[in-house]
C-alpha atoms as a PDB file:
ATOM      1  CA  MET A   1     120.944 -11.672 -49.408  1.00  0.00           C
ATOM      2  CA  THR A   2     122.026  -8.164 -50.335  1.00  0.00           C
ATOM      3  CA  LEU A   3     120.022  -8.626 -53.602  1.00  0.00           C
ATOM      4  CA  ALA A   4     117.114  -9.879 -51.759  1.00  0.00           C
ATOM      5  CA  GLY A   5     117.037  -6.925 -49.414  1.00  0.00           C
ATOM      6  CA  LEU A   6     117.034  -4.590 -52.546  1.00  0.00           C
ATOM      7  CA  VAL A   7     114.278  -6.302 -54.075  1.00  0.00           C
ATOM      8  CA  LEU A   8     112.116  -6.170 -50.824  1.00  0.00           C
ATOM      9  CA  ALA A   9     112.951  -2.280 -50.377  1.00  0.00           C
ATOM     10  CA  ALA A  10     111.910  -1.842 -53.834  1.00  0.00           C
ATOM     11  CA  LEU A  11     108.528  -3.877 -53.391  1.00  0.00           C
ATOM     12  CA  LEU A  12     107.932  -2.007 -50.107  1.00  0.00           C
ATOM     13  CA  ALA A  13     108.813   1.435 -51.839  1.00  0.00           C
ATOM     14  CA  THR A  14     106.320   0.868 -54.762  1.00  0.00           C
ATOM     15  CA  ARG A  15     103.462  -0.757 -52.665  1.00  0.00           C
ATOM     16  CA  ASP A  16     100.112   1.218 -53.266  1.00  0.00           C
ATOM     17  CA  GLY A  17     101.423   2.768 -56.395  1.00  0.00           C
ATOM     18  CA  GLU A  18     104.313   4.771 -54.922  1.00  0.00           C
ATOM     19  CA  SER A  19     107.266   5.485 -57.066  1.00  0.00           C
ATOM     20  CA  PHE A  20     110.946   4.001 -56.322  1.00  0.00           C
ATOM     21  CA  ALA A  21     114.138   5.392 -57.926  1.00  0.00           C
ATOM     22  CA  PHE A  22     117.751   5.274 -57.049  1.00  0.00           C
ATOM     23  CA  GLY A  23     118.323   8.832 -58.492  1.00  0.00           C
ATOM     24  CA  SER A  24     117.004  12.290 -58.981  1.00  0.00           C
ATOM     25  CA  ARG A  25     114.254  12.643 -61.857  1.00  0.00           C
ATOM     26  CA  ILE A  26     111.738  15.088 -63.433  1.00  0.00           C
ATOM     27  CA  ALA A  27     108.271  14.217 -63.330  1.00  0.00           C
ATOM     28  CA  VAL A  28     106.177  14.309 -66.617  1.00  0.00           C
ATOM     29  CA  ILE A  29     102.342  15.025 -65.995  1.00  0.00           C
ATOM     30  CA  GLU A  30     100.230  14.513 -69.512  1.00  0.00           C
ATOM     31  CA  ILE A  31      97.034  16.367 -69.824  1.00  0.00           C
ATOM     32  CA  ASP A  32      95.679  14.808 -73.080  1.00  0.00           C
ATOM     33  CA  GLY A  33      92.212  15.677 -74.375  1.00  0.00           C
ATOM     34  CA  LEU A  34      89.022  17.103 -72.899  1.00  0.00           C
ATOM     35  CA  ILE A  35      89.400  18.088 -69.316  1.00  0.00           C
ATOM     36  CA  ALA A  36      86.458  16.653 -67.595  1.00  0.00           C
ATOM     37  CA  ASP A  37      87.578  15.560 -64.259  1.00  0.00           C
ATOM     38  CA  ASP A  38      90.577  16.272 -61.795  1.00  0.00           C
ATOM     39  CA  GLU A  39      90.794  13.165 -59.739  1.00  0.00           C
ATOM     40  CA  ALA A  40      93.431  11.139 -61.742  1.00  0.00           C
ATOM     41  CA  LEU A  41      95.591  14.335 -62.478  1.00  0.00           C
ATOM     42  CA  LEU A  42      95.615  15.265 -58.853  1.00  0.00           C
ATOM     43  CA  GLU A  43      96.379  11.879 -57.830  1.00  0.00           C
ATOM     44  CA  GLN A  44      99.286  11.739 -60.178  1.00  0.00           C
ATOM     45  CA  ILE A  45     100.758  15.009 -58.945  1.00  0.00           C
ATOM     46  CA  ARG A  46     100.345  14.087 -55.216  1.00  0.00           C
ATOM     47  CA  ARG A  47     102.260  10.816 -55.654  1.00  0.00           C
ATOM     48  CA  PHE A  48     105.105  12.366 -57.178  1.00  0.00           C
ATOM     49  CA  ARG A  49     105.006  15.235 -54.794  1.00  0.00           C
ATOM     50  CA  ARG A  50     105.474  12.486 -52.253  1.00  0.00           C
ATOM     51  CA  ASP A  51     108.551  11.120 -54.054  1.00  0.00           C
ATOM     52  CA  GLY A  52     111.538  12.388 -52.777  1.00  0.00           C
ATOM     53  CA  SER A  53     113.485  11.791 -55.866  1.00  0.00           C
ATOM     54  CA  ILE A  54     111.286  13.997 -57.976  1.00  0.00           C
ATOM     55  CA  LYS A  55     112.906  17.271 -58.238  1.00  0.00           C
ATOM     56  CA  GLY A  56     110.818  19.042 -60.798  1.00  0.00           C
ATOM     57  CA  PHE A  57     107.754  18.768 -63.015  1.00  0.00           C
ATOM     58  CA  VAL A  58     107.024  19.059 -66.713  1.00  0.00           C
ATOM     59  CA  VAL A  59     103.285  19.355 -67.588  1.00  0.00           C
ATOM     60  CA  SER A  60     102.918  18.227 -71.285  1.00  0.00           C
ATOM     61  CA  ILE A  61      99.435  19.625 -72.577  1.00  0.00           C
ATOM     62  CA  ASN A  62      97.699  18.534 -75.705  1.00  0.00           C
ATOM     63  CA  SER A  63      94.385  19.800 -74.827  1.00  0.00           C
ATOM     64  CA  PRO A  64      91.538  22.242 -76.205  1.00  0.00           C
ATOM     65  CA  GLY A  65      90.238  22.708 -72.418  1.00  0.00           C
ATOM     66  CA  GLY A  66      87.261  21.392 -70.636  1.00  0.00           C
ATOM     67  CA  VAL A  67      85.006  22.017 -67.675  1.00  0.00           C
ATOM     68  CA  VAL A  68      86.002  24.970 -65.610  1.00  0.00           C
ATOM     69  CA  GLY A  69      86.324  23.529 -62.113  1.00  0.00           C
ATOM     70  CA  PRO A  70      88.838  20.865 -62.905  1.00  0.00           C
ATOM     71  CA  SER A  71      90.908  22.997 -65.027  1.00  0.00           C
ATOM     72  CA  GLN A  72      91.144  25.469 -62.041  1.00  0.00           C
ATOM     73  CA  SER A  73      91.692  22.504 -59.708  1.00  0.00           C
ATOM     74  CA  VAL A  74      94.623  21.261 -61.273  1.00  0.00           C
ATOM     75  CA  TYR A  75      95.963  24.709 -61.910  1.00  0.00           C
ATOM     76  CA  ARG A  76      95.847  25.151 -58.109  1.00  0.00           C
ATOM     77  CA  GLU A  77      97.695  21.984 -57.441  1.00  0.00           C
ATOM     78  CA  LEU A  78     100.420  22.838 -59.715  1.00  0.00           C
ATOM     79  CA  ARG A  79     100.860  26.261 -58.098  1.00  0.00           C
ATOM     80  CA  ARG A  80     101.152  24.750 -54.777  1.00  0.00           C
ATOM     81  CA  LEU A  81     104.119  22.856 -56.008  1.00  0.00           C
ATOM     82  CA  ARG A  82     105.767  26.057 -56.639  1.00  0.00           C
ATOM     83  CA  ASP A  83     104.652  27.860 -53.685  1.00  0.00           C
ATOM     84  CA  GLU A  84     105.199  25.301 -50.873  1.00  0.00           C
ATOM     85  CA  ASP A  85     107.431  22.753 -52.192  1.00  0.00           C
ATOM     86  CA  ASP A  86     109.984  25.381 -54.508  1.00  0.00           C
ATOM     87  CA  ARG A  87     110.002  22.573 -57.022  1.00  0.00           C
ATOM     88  CA  PRO A  88     110.187  24.062 -60.785  1.00  0.00           C
ATOM     89  CA  VAL A  89     107.191  23.501 -62.919  1.00  0.00           C
ATOM     90  CA  ILE A  90     107.378  23.783 -66.721  1.00  0.00           C
ATOM     91  CA  ALA A  91     104.774  23.534 -69.250  1.00  0.00           C
ATOM     92  CA  SER A  92     105.086  22.411 -72.559  1.00  0.00           C
ATOM     93  CA  ILE A  93     102.203  23.034 -75.318  1.00  0.00           C
ATOM     94  CA  GLY A  94     102.072  20.473 -78.151  1.00  0.00           C
ATOM     95  CA  GLY A  95      99.405  20.583 -80.642  1.00  0.00           C
ATOM     96  CA  VAL A  96      96.957  22.469 -78.729  1.00  0.00           C
ATOM     97  CA  GLY A  97      97.036  23.786 -75.369  1.00  0.00           C
ATOM     98  CA  ALA A  98      94.013  26.363 -75.378  1.00  0.00           C
ATOM     99  CA  SER A  99      91.235  27.594 -72.825  1.00  0.00           C
ATOM    100  CA  GLY A 100      91.370  25.353 -69.824  1.00  0.00           C
ATOM    101  CA  GLY A 101      94.623  23.724 -71.310  1.00  0.00           C
ATOM    102  CA  TYR A 102      96.002  27.298 -71.458  1.00  0.00           C
ATOM    103  CA  TYR A 103      94.548  27.794 -67.772  1.00  0.00           C
ATOM    104  CA  ILE A 104      96.538  25.019 -66.402  1.00  0.00           C
ATOM    105  CA  ALA A 105      99.873  26.134 -68.131  1.00  0.00           C
ATOM    106  CA  LEU A 106      99.557  29.389 -66.121  1.00  0.00           C
ATOM    107  CA  ALA A 107     100.525  27.591 -63.229  1.00  0.00           C
ATOM    108  CA  ALA A 108     104.130  26.929 -64.706  1.00  0.00           C
ATOM    109  CA  ASP A 109     107.254  29.086 -64.013  1.00  0.00           C
ATOM    110  CA  SER A 110     107.739  28.930 -67.796  1.00  0.00           C
ATOM    111  CA  ILE A 111     105.404  27.964 -70.663  1.00  0.00           C
ATOM    112  CA  PHE A 112     107.108  26.584 -73.900  1.00  0.00           C
ATOM    113  CA  VAL A 113     104.872  26.258 -77.243  1.00  0.00           C
ATOM    114  CA  LEU A 114     105.842  25.534 -80.794  1.00  0.00           C
ATOM    115  CA  PRO A 115     105.542  28.162 -83.402  1.00  0.00           C
ATOM    116  CA  GLY A 116     102.094  26.394 -84.726  1.00  0.00           C
ATOM    117  CA  SER A 117     100.638  25.438 -81.277  1.00  0.00           C
ATOM    118  CA  MET A 118      97.212  26.586 -80.899  1.00  0.00           C
ATOM    119  CA  THR A 119      96.644  28.232 -77.661  1.00  0.00           C
ATOM    120  CA  GLY A 120      94.829  31.188 -76.208  1.00  0.00           C
ATOM    121  CA  SER A 121      91.066  31.046 -76.459  1.00  0.00           C
ATOM    122  CA  ILE A 122      90.649  32.762 -73.275  1.00  0.00           C
ATOM    123  CA  GLY A 123      86.891  32.911 -72.439  1.00  0.00           C
ATOM    124  CA  VAL A 124      84.016  30.839 -71.167  1.00  0.00           C
ATOM    125  CA  ILE A 125      81.152  29.060 -72.861  1.00  0.00           C
ATOM    126  CA  MET A 126      77.915  27.636 -71.379  1.00  0.00           C
ATOM    127  CA  GLU A 127      75.572  25.645 -73.832  1.00  0.00           C
ATOM    128  CA  PHE A 128      71.887  24.640 -73.448  1.00  0.00           C
ATOM    129  CA  PRO A 129      70.161  21.977 -75.938  1.00  0.00           C
ATOM    130  CA  ASN A 130      66.552  23.382 -76.412  1.00  0.00           C
ATOM    131  CA  ALA A 131      64.317  20.470 -77.583  1.00  0.00           C
ATOM    132  CA  ALA A 132      60.962  22.467 -76.797  1.00  0.00           C
ATOM    133  CA  GLU A 133      59.955  22.694 -80.361  1.00  0.00           C
ATOM    134  CA  LEU A 134      60.728  19.079 -81.223  1.00  0.00           C
ATOM    135  CA  MET A 135      58.805  17.722 -77.997  1.00  0.00           C
ATOM    136  CA  ASP A 136      55.804  20.097 -79.414  1.00  0.00           C
ATOM    137  CA  ARG A 137      55.881  18.521 -82.745  1.00  0.00           C
ATOM    138  CA  VAL A 138      55.636  14.790 -81.364  1.00  0.00           C
ATOM    139  CA  GLY A 139      53.095  15.701 -78.575  1.00  0.00           C
ATOM    140  CA  VAL A 140      55.245  15.282 -75.586  1.00  0.00           C
ATOM    141  CA  SER A 141      55.127  17.581 -72.614  1.00  0.00           C
ATOM    142  CA  VAL A 142      57.276  17.717 -69.258  1.00  0.00           C
ATOM    143  CA  GLU A 143      55.561  18.674 -66.146  1.00  0.00           C
ATOM    144  CA  THR A 144      57.753  20.350 -63.569  1.00  0.00           C
ATOM    145  CA  VAL A 145      57.428  21.133 -59.939  1.00  0.00           C
ATOM    146  CA  GLN A 146      59.951  23.413 -58.546  1.00  0.00           C
ATOM    147  CA  SER A 147      60.829  25.272 -55.296  1.00  0.00           C
ATOM    148  CA  ALA A 148      61.373  28.739 -57.051  1.00  0.00           C
ATOM    149  CA  GLU A 149      61.337  30.436 -60.293  1.00  0.00           C
ATOM    150  CA  HIS A 150      64.829  29.861 -61.805  1.00  0.00           C
ATOM    151  CA  LYS A 151      65.275  26.287 -60.289  1.00  0.00           C
ATOM    152  CA  ASP A 152      64.808  24.835 -63.828  1.00  0.00           C
ATOM    153  CA  ILE A 153      66.994  27.328 -65.659  1.00  0.00           C
ATOM    154  CA  GLY A 154      68.600  25.761 -68.464  1.00  0.00           C
ATOM    155  CA  SER A 155      66.080  23.130 -69.008  1.00  0.00           C
ATOM    156  CA  PRO A 156      66.302  21.672 -72.154  1.00  0.00           C
ATOM    157  CA  PHE A 157      62.400  21.379 -72.087  1.00  0.00           C
ATOM    158  CA  ARG A 158      61.687  25.187 -72.330  1.00  0.00           C
ATOM    159  CA  PRO A 159      63.397  28.154 -73.940  1.00  0.00           C
ATOM    160  CA  ILE A 160      65.371  30.361 -71.962  1.00  0.00           C
ATOM    161  CA  THR A 161      63.765  33.501 -70.771  1.00  0.00           C
ATOM    162  CA  PRO A 162      65.452  36.868 -70.799  1.00  0.00           C
ATOM    163  CA  GLU A 163      65.487  36.689 -66.974  1.00  0.00           C
ATOM    164  CA  ASP A 164      67.250  33.372 -67.406  1.00  0.00           C
ATOM    165  CA  ARG A 165      69.896  34.741 -69.859  1.00  0.00           C
ATOM    166  CA  THR A 166      70.580  37.765 -67.498  1.00  0.00           C
ATOM    167  CA  ILE A 167      71.582  35.300 -64.827  1.00  0.00           C
ATOM    168  CA  LEU A 168      73.444  32.919 -66.787  1.00  0.00           C
ATOM    169  CA  GLN A 169      75.393  35.905 -68.363  1.00  0.00           C
ATOM    170  CA  SER A 170      76.278  37.349 -64.868  1.00  0.00           C
ATOM    171  CA  LEU A 171      77.562  33.660 -64.034  1.00  0.00           C
ATOM    172  CA  VAL A 172      79.702  33.516 -67.220  1.00  0.00           C
ATOM    173  CA  THR A 173      81.137  36.904 -66.882  1.00  0.00           C
ATOM    174  CA  ASP A 174      81.972  36.368 -63.429  1.00  0.00           C
ATOM    175  CA  VAL A 175      84.005  33.064 -64.405  1.00  0.00           C
ATOM    176  CA  TYR A 176      85.681  35.151 -67.436  1.00  0.00           C
ATOM    177  CA  GLU A 177      86.884  37.631 -65.125  1.00  0.00           C
ATOM    178  CA  GLN A 178      88.409  34.762 -63.139  1.00  0.00           C
ATOM    179  CA  PHE A 179      90.215  33.871 -66.114  1.00  0.00           C
ATOM    180  CA  VAL A 180      91.415  37.277 -67.084  1.00  0.00           C
ATOM    181  CA  GLU A 181      92.686  37.745 -63.465  1.00  0.00           C
ATOM    182  CA  ALA A 182      94.639  34.574 -63.498  1.00  0.00           C
ATOM    183  CA  VAL A 183      96.270  35.431 -66.803  1.00  0.00           C
ATOM    184  CA  ALA A 184      97.167  39.026 -65.819  1.00  0.00           C
ATOM    185  CA  GLU A 185      98.641  37.676 -62.562  1.00  0.00           C
ATOM    186  CA  GLU A 186     100.738  34.761 -63.811  1.00  0.00           C
ATOM    187  CA  ARG A 187     101.725  36.800 -66.952  1.00  0.00           C
ATOM    188  CA  SER A 188     102.431  40.106 -65.308  1.00  0.00           C
ATOM    189  CA  LEU A 189     100.116  41.958 -67.716  1.00  0.00           C
ATOM    190  CA  PRO A 190      97.675  44.595 -67.003  1.00  0.00           C
ATOM    191  CA  ALA A 191      94.051  43.374 -67.184  1.00  0.00           C
ATOM    192  CA  GLU A 192      92.955  45.346 -69.869  1.00  0.00           C
ATOM    193  CA  THR A 193      96.054  44.360 -72.283  1.00  0.00           C
ATOM    194  CA  VAL A 194      94.741  40.629 -71.470  1.00  0.00           C
ATOM    195  CA  ARG A 195      91.219  41.574 -72.406  1.00  0.00           C
ATOM    196  CA  GLN A 196      92.451  42.538 -75.789  1.00  0.00           C
ATOM    197  CA  VAL A 197      92.976  38.994 -76.627  1.00  0.00           C
ATOM    198  CA  ALA A 198      90.702  37.368 -74.172  1.00  0.00           C
ATOM    199  CA  ASP A 199      87.812  37.385 -76.724  1.00  0.00           C
ATOM    200  CA  GLY A 200      87.643  33.603 -77.216  1.00  0.00           C
ATOM    201  CA  ARG A 201      90.455  34.008 -80.319  1.00  0.00           C
ATOM    202  CA  ILE A 202      92.670  31.329 -81.013  1.00  0.00           C
ATOM    203  CA  LEU A 203      96.435  32.184 -81.252  1.00  0.00           C
ATOM    204  CA  SER A 204      99.232  30.354 -82.573  1.00  0.00           C
ATOM    205  CA  GLY A 205     102.082  29.705 -80.668  1.00  0.00           C
ATOM    206  CA  ARG A 206     104.184  32.670 -82.147  1.00  0.00           C
ATOM    207  CA  GLN A 207     101.414  35.146 -81.537  1.00  0.00           C
ATOM    208  CA  ALA A 208     100.904  34.101 -78.043  1.00  0.00           C
ATOM    209  CA  LEU A 209     104.626  34.633 -77.621  1.00  0.00           C
ATOM    210  CA  GLU A 210     104.417  37.961 -79.136  1.00  0.00           C
ATOM    211  CA  ARG A 211     101.678  39.110 -76.848  1.00  0.00           C
ATOM    212  CA  GLY A 212     103.296  37.701 -73.603  1.00  0.00           C
ATOM    213  CA  LEU A 213     100.966  34.873 -72.909  1.00  0.00           C
ATOM    214  CA  VAL A 214     103.908  32.118 -73.155  1.00  0.00           C
ATOM    215  CA  ASP A 215     107.717  32.335 -72.651  1.00  0.00           C
ATOM    216  CA  ARG A 216     109.523  30.194 -75.114  1.00  0.00           C
ATOM    217  CA  ILE A 217     109.411  28.272 -78.481  1.00  0.00           C
ATOM    218  CA  GLY A 218     110.332  24.806 -77.822  1.00  0.00           C
ATOM    219  CA  ASN A 219     109.248  21.190 -77.792  1.00  0.00           C
ATOM    220  CA  LEU A 220     108.730  18.693 -74.695  1.00  0.00           C
ATOM    221  CA  HIS A 221     112.560  17.895 -74.878  1.00  0.00           C
ATOM    222  CA  ASP A 222     113.520  21.661 -74.644  1.00  0.00           C
ATOM    223  CA  ALA A 223     111.020  21.762 -71.554  1.00  0.00           C
ATOM    224  CA  LEU A 224     112.749  18.761 -69.898  1.00  0.00           C
ATOM    225  CA  ALA A 225     116.157  20.072 -70.489  1.00  0.00           C
ATOM    226  CA  THR A 226     115.249  23.394 -68.848  1.00  0.00           C
ATOM    227  CA  ALA A 227     113.655  21.765 -65.872  1.00  0.00           C
ATOM    228  CA  GLY A 228     116.890  19.643 -65.625  1.00  0.00           C
ATOM    229  CA  GLU A 229     119.264  22.531 -65.754  1.00  0.00           C
ATOM    230  CA  MET A 230     116.976  24.452 -62.970  1.00  0.00           C
ATOM    231  CA  THR A 231     117.192  21.498 -60.721  1.00  0.00           C
ATOM    232  CA  GLY A 232     120.758  20.703 -61.116  1.00  0.00           C
ATOM    233  CA  LEU A 233     120.226  17.480 -63.115  1.00  0.00           C
ATOM    234  CA  GLY A 234     121.549  18.731 -66.487  1.00  0.00           C
ATOM    235  CA  SER A 235     119.929  18.975 -69.730  1.00  0.00           C
ATOM    236  CA  ASP A 236     119.215  15.448 -70.141  1.00  0.00           C
ATOM    237  CA  PRO A 237     117.414  14.280 -66.790  1.00  0.00           C
ATOM    238  CA  ALA A 238     115.853  11.081 -65.822  1.00  0.00           C
ATOM    239  CA  VAL A 239     112.400  11.017 -66.289  1.00  0.00           C
ATOM    240  CA  ALA A 240     109.558   9.564 -64.387  1.00  0.00           C
ATOM    241  CA  ARG A 241     105.826   9.078 -65.812  1.00  0.00           C
ATOM    242  CA  PRO A 242     102.765   7.777 -64.281  1.00  0.00           C
ATOM    243  CA  PRO A 243     102.172   4.080 -64.490  1.00  0.00           C
ATOM    244  CA  GLU A 244      99.858   3.096 -67.327  1.00  0.00           C
ATOM    245  CA  ALA A 245      96.492   2.066 -66.721  1.00  0.00           C
ATOM    246  CA  SER A 246      95.728  -1.483 -65.984  1.00  0.00           C
ATOM    247  CA  PHE A 247      94.964  -3.715 -68.800  1.00  0.00           C
ATOM    248  CA  THR A 248      91.065  -4.439 -68.761  1.00  0.00           C
ATOM    249  CA  PHE A 249      88.961  -7.530 -70.314  1.00  0.00           C
ATOM    250  CA  LEU A 250      87.600  -4.926 -72.774  1.00  0.00           C
ATOM    251  CA  ASP A 251      91.381  -4.179 -73.951  1.00  0.00           C
ATOM    252  CA  LEU A 252      91.938  -7.847 -74.355  1.00  0.00           C
ATOM    253  CA  LEU A 253      88.645  -8.307 -76.373  1.00  0.00           C
ATOM    254  CA  LEU A 254      88.798  -5.166 -78.501  1.00  0.00           C
ATOM    255  CA  GLY A 255      92.328  -3.898 -78.074  1.00  0.00           C
ATOM    256  CA  ARG A 256      93.363  -1.173 -76.019  1.00  0.00           C
ATOM    257  CA  GLY A 257      93.296   1.672 -78.876  1.00  0.00           C
ATOM    258  CA  THR A 258      89.674   0.676 -79.772  1.00  0.00           C
ATOM    259  CA  ALA A 259      88.318   0.302 -76.081  1.00  0.00           C
ATOM    260  CA  LYS A 260      89.872   3.797 -75.467  1.00  0.00           C
ATOM    261  CA  LEU A 261      88.211   4.953 -78.413  1.00  0.00           C
ATOM    262  CA  LEU A 262      84.652   3.385 -77.435  1.00  0.00           C
ATOM    263  CA  GLY A 263      85.060   4.842 -74.107  1.00  0.00           C
ATOM    264  CA  SER A 264      85.287   8.273 -75.429  1.00  0.00           C
ATOM    265  CA  VAL A 265      82.431   7.778 -77.556  1.00  0.00           C
ATOM    266  CA  VAL A 266      80.005   6.739 -74.710  1.00  0.00           C
ATOM    267  CA  ARG A 267      81.579   9.097 -71.964  1.00  0.00           C
ATOM    268  CA  PRO A 268      79.412  12.085 -73.243  1.00  0.00           C
ATOM    269  CA  LEU A 269      76.123  10.123 -73.019  1.00  0.00           C
ATOM    270  CA  ASP A 270      76.516   9.647 -69.258  1.00  0.00           C
ATOM    271  CA  PRO A 271      73.286  10.731 -67.833  1.00  0.00           C
ATOM    272  CA  ALA A 272      74.888  12.581 -64.993  1.00  0.00           C
ATOM    273  CA  SER A 273      76.445  15.065 -67.385  1.00  0.00           C
ATOM    274  CA  GLY A 274      74.476  18.375 -68.339  1.00  0.00           C
ATOM    275  CA  PRO A 275      75.188  21.922 -68.935  1.00  0.00           C
ATOM    276  CA  ARG A 276      78.478  23.080 -67.523  1.00  0.00           C
ATOM    277  CA  LEU A 277      80.754  26.017 -67.482  1.00  0.00           C
ATOM    278  CA  LYS A 278      83.779  25.247 -69.698  1.00  0.00           C
ATOM    279  CA  TYR A 279      86.837  26.655 -70.725  1.00  0.00           C
ATOM    280  CA  VAL A 280      87.045  25.019 -73.999  1.00  0.00           C
ATOM    281  CA  VAL A 281      87.347  25.520 -77.668  1.00  0.00           C
ATOM    282  CA  PRO A 282      83.744  24.340 -78.961  1.00  0.00           C
ATOM    283  CA  TRP A 283      84.764  22.268 -81.710  1.00  0.00           C
END
C-alpha cells in the first residue's frame, strides 16, 4: 500500500507535464539553433519555476541568435528568476552564443564560455529580398492598394526608397541601442565602452572575457558545479531537464534525426515568415 501510494503521488505530481523529484536539483534549459519563437522556452522555464525542487538554473546556449522579440522575451523571463525568485541563473556558451544568444546570456548571474566559443556579434540586422528586376524580366507586376505611403515598406516587389531606408534605419538603430543598454547594464560597463565592440564583430570566448562581456572560462560541467555551490547542493548537483518531444509518425517513418532535419529545412519556407528584426549572425 505504501508503494502504491508513492506511485500515485508521483503520477499526480507529473500530470500535465509537471515534474516530480525527491531531492533538490539544478534545471538545465537548452537554447540550441536559431531563436525564432519563445513559446517552448517560456513554458520550460515556467514549469521548472513551479517546481519546488529546482534551486537554480543553468542555461546551455549554442545559438547564433535569431529574432529580436523572442530573444528579449527569454532574457526577460530569466531575469524574473533572479529578481523575483532569488534563484541563481548561470549561462554556459558552447560552440556559439552570439547576438541573440548572447543577449539571453546577459540575464545570468555569471556567463561561462570556452576559450574558442564564438560570442559577441552585438548588433541588429534586417534583410529584404528585392525581386522587382526579376519580375520585370518575366513580365509580372503586382498591383498594391494601401492606406498610406509606407504601408508596403520592405515589399519584395519594389526597391526600397530613400525615405523607406531612413524609416527602417531609425527602427534598427533604436533596437540596436536597446541591445547596447542591456549589455551596459548587465555587465556594468559604460555604454561607450560597449559600443567599441558593438559593431557586429564576432569575438572568441577569451576575447570576450578580456573585454568584460563574460565572466569565466569553463564548460557546462563548470557551470553546473557553480550553480550547485551557489545553492548549497555541492559541485555535482542532481540535474533536471525538460522532457523530450513526443515521438511522431514522421519520426517513425524517417527516423528522429532525419525528421528533425527535414523540419529545419521546411520551416524557413513558412509563408507567414517575412522580414524581421534579428539579433543574429547572418550566416
